[in-house]
Amino acid sequence: MVDLCIFGEQSHNRPFVGAPWGRSFCEFVANAQVNMLGVIPSIVKAWKKNDATNGLDWSSVRRFSSTGEASNPILYLWLMGRPGKGYAPVIEYCGGTEIGGSYMSGTLVQPQIPSQFSTPCFGIDLVLLDDDGKVSSSDGEVAIVGPSFGLSVNLLNR
């Protein structure tokens, strides 16, 4: 199951019904004049493999957002060129249902590199922990220092 959120001039008049993997969805994006489109790399991979955006006018798309899967910079460089008027950035978002929100993201006010994050989200303090669970200045796993705005303080049924 894929949930879609479409923002555009005409999207409220003609909702898309079906899977977003093929040309029909790409035509919907063009016809609805979508200006912000949420994606995951597996959808973008299918569009590129099948040349699903070829000849379509995606000039209304001003930005993309991505979450839910590990990103692919090659695919996202390709995607950023689809609008045809320069590029539309992909804003990465990392977080999830388990913690109740995001902890790292991209922004429109900082330089972006495809498939990377530029900043912790508002109200988040992050540290790196080494293999022994000690704070590291160079390598490790990202850990959230709580409490943080909007995030769960414990997990369901724990």
Protein backbone atom coordinates (compact mmCIF):
# COMPACT_ATOMS: atom_id res chain seq x y z
CA MET A 1 0.00 0.00 0.00
CA VAL A 2 1.29 3.47 -0.88
CA ASP A 3 -0.15 6.64 0.62
CA LEU A 4 0.01 9.73 -1.55
CA CYS A 5 -0.34 13.38 -0.73
CA ILE A 6 -0.67 15.61 -3.79
CA PHE A 7 -0.37 19.40 -3.74
CA GLY A 8 -1.24 21.25 -6.93
CA GLU A 9 -3.54 23.69 -8.66
CA GLN A 10 -5.90 21.03 -10.03
CA SER A 11 -5.24 18.04 -7.74
CA HIS A 12 -8.39 18.57 -5.65
CA ASN A 13 -10.57 18.16 -8.75
CA ARG A 14 -9.13 14.88 -10.02
CA PRO A 15 -7.72 12.53 -7.38
CA PHE A 16 -5.47 9.77 -8.68
CA VAL A 17 -6.65 6.22 -8.12
CA GLY A 18 -4.12 3.43 -8.56
CA ALA A 19 -0.47 2.69 -8.01
CA PRO A 20 2.06 5.48 -8.69
CA TRP A 21 4.61 3.25 -10.46
CA GLY A 22 3.79 4.01 -14.10
CA ARG A 23 3.15 6.59 -16.77
CA SER A 24 -0.50 7.17 -15.79
CA PHE A 25 0.58 8.60 -12.45
CA CYS A 26 3.26 10.73 -14.13
CA GLU A 27 0.58 12.09 -16.48
CA PHE A 28 -1.59 12.83 -13.44
CA VAL A 29 1.27 14.86 -11.90
CA ALA A 30 1.52 16.91 -15.10
CA ASN A 31 -2.23 17.38 -15.58
CA ALA A 32 -2.89 18.25 -11.92
CA GLN A 33 -0.04 20.78 -11.96
CA VAL A 34 1.42 19.25 -8.81
CA ASN A 35 3.88 21.61 -7.12
CA MET A 36 5.18 19.37 -4.31
CA LEU A 37 5.47 15.63 -4.76
CA GLY A 38 6.40 13.06 -2.12
CA VAL A 39 8.38 10.09 -3.45
CA ILE A 40 10.31 7.02 -2.42
CA PRO A 41 13.32 5.71 -4.37
CA SER A 42 11.56 2.56 -5.60
CA ILE A 43 8.91 4.66 -7.36
CA VAL A 44 11.55 6.92 -8.94
CA LYS A 45 13.49 3.82 -10.07
CA ALA A 46 10.38 2.50 -11.85
CA TRP A 47 9.75 5.87 -13.56
CA LYS A 48 13.33 6.05 -14.80
CA LYS A 49 13.46 2.42 -15.96
CA ASN A 50 10.25 2.81 -17.96
CA ASP A 51 10.95 6.40 -19.11
CA ALA A 52 7.54 7.26 -17.61
CA THR A 53 8.12 11.02 -17.49
CA ASN A 54 9.33 11.40 -21.07
CA GLY A 55 7.58 14.24 -22.89
CA LEU A 56 5.50 15.28 -19.86
CA ASP A 57 5.41 18.85 -18.57
CA TRP A 58 6.37 18.75 -14.90
CA SER A 59 7.27 22.45 -14.83
CA SER A 60 4.78 23.04 -11.99
CA VAL A 61 6.80 20.77 -9.66
CA ARG A 62 8.88 23.05 -7.42
CA ARG A 63 10.17 20.44 -4.97
CA PHE A 64 10.04 16.80 -4.01
CA SER A 65 10.08 15.22 -0.56
CA SER A 66 11.41 11.79 0.29
CA THR A 67 11.13 9.46 3.26
CA GLY A 68 10.53 5.82 4.01
CA GLU A 69 13.42 4.17 2.14
CA ALA A 70 17.16 4.60 1.83
CA SER A 71 17.75 7.23 -0.87
CA ASN A 72 19.67 6.85 -4.09
CA PRO A 73 21.62 9.95 -5.20
CA ILE A 74 21.82 8.88 -8.87
CA LEU A 75 18.04 8.44 -9.09
CA TYR A 76 17.43 11.70 -7.24
CA LEU A 77 19.73 13.68 -9.53
CA TRP A 78 17.68 12.30 -12.42
CA LEU A 79 14.41 13.18 -10.64
CA MET A 80 15.54 16.73 -9.84
CA GLY A 81 15.82 17.39 -13.58
CA ARG A 82 12.28 16.27 -14.47
CA PRO A 83 10.62 19.69 -14.04
CA GLY A 84 12.66 20.94 -17.00
CA LYS A 85 13.27 24.48 -15.72
CA GLY A 86 16.53 23.94 -13.94
CA TYR A 87 15.86 21.55 -11.12
CA ALA A 88 13.53 20.90 -8.20
CA PRO A 89 15.25 19.87 -4.96
CA VAL A 90 14.48 16.67 -3.07
CA ILE A 91 13.95 17.44 0.61
CA GLU A 92 14.94 14.38 2.63
CA TYR A 93 13.08 13.53 5.84
CA CYS A 94 14.22 10.92 8.36
CA GLY A 95 12.11 9.77 11.26
CA GLY A 96 9.16 7.53 11.56
CA THR A 97 6.10 6.23 13.25
CA GLU A 98 8.14 4.53 15.96
CA ILE A 99 9.32 7.82 17.44
CA GLY A 100 6.37 9.96 16.40
CA GLY A 101 8.14 12.29 14.00
CA SER A 102 11.29 13.40 12.26
CA TYR A 103 14.77 13.87 13.64
CA MET A 104 16.81 14.86 10.54
CA SER A 105 15.77 16.64 7.37
CA GLY A 106 16.84 18.75 4.46
CA THR A 107 15.75 22.37 4.13
CA LEU A 108 15.25 24.95 1.41
CA VAL A 109 17.53 27.47 3.16
CA GLN A 110 20.70 25.35 3.23
CA PRO A 111 22.75 23.76 0.45
CA GLN A 112 21.48 20.26 -0.31
CA ILE A 113 23.27 17.13 -1.52
CA PRO A 114 21.02 14.42 -2.98
CA SER A 115 20.29 11.62 -0.49
CA GLN A 116 21.77 13.47 2.48
CA PHE A 117 20.39 15.50 5.36
CA SER A 118 21.43 19.05 6.16
CA THR A 119 20.13 19.59 9.69
CA PRO A 120 18.50 18.11 12.75
CA CYS A 121 14.80 18.94 12.91
CA PHE A 122 13.53 21.73 15.13
CA GLY A 123 13.81 20.85 18.81
CA ILE A 124 16.08 17.84 18.26
CA ASP A 125 19.48 17.28 19.83
CA LEU A 126 21.56 14.49 18.26
CA VAL A 127 24.79 12.74 19.24
CA LEU A 128 26.90 9.95 17.78
CA LEU A 129 27.38 6.85 19.95
CA ASP A 130 30.26 4.44 19.39
CA ASP A 131 30.02 0.63 19.71
CA ASP A 132 30.27 0.93 23.51
CA GLY A 133 27.44 3.48 23.74
CA LYS A 134 29.80 6.38 24.45
CA VAL A 135 29.51 9.75 22.69
CA SER A 136 31.85 9.93 19.69
CA SER A 137 33.02 12.97 17.78
CA SER A 138 33.56 11.16 14.48
CA ASP A 139 31.91 7.74 13.99
CA GLY A 140 28.89 5.96 15.36
CA GLU A 141 25.14 5.57 15.40
CA VAL A 142 22.89 8.64 15.62
CA ALA A 143 21.05 8.92 18.93
CA ILE A 144 18.40 11.42 19.99
CA VAL A 145 18.98 13.28 23.25
CA GLY A 146 15.57 13.69 24.86
CA PRO A 147 13.22 15.18 25.53
CA SER A 148 12.39 16.49 22.06
CA PHE A 149 9.37 18.42 20.78
CA GLY A 150 6.68 16.18 19.33
CA LEU A 151 8.46 12.86 19.78
CA SER A 152 7.21 9.90 21.77
CA VAL A 153 8.76 9.40 25.18
CA ASN A 154 8.17 5.65 25.07
CA LEU A 155 7.09 2.99 22.60
CA LEU A 156 3.62 1.45 22.46
CA ASN A 157 3.30 -1.62 24.69
CA ARG A 158 6.72 -1.06 26.30
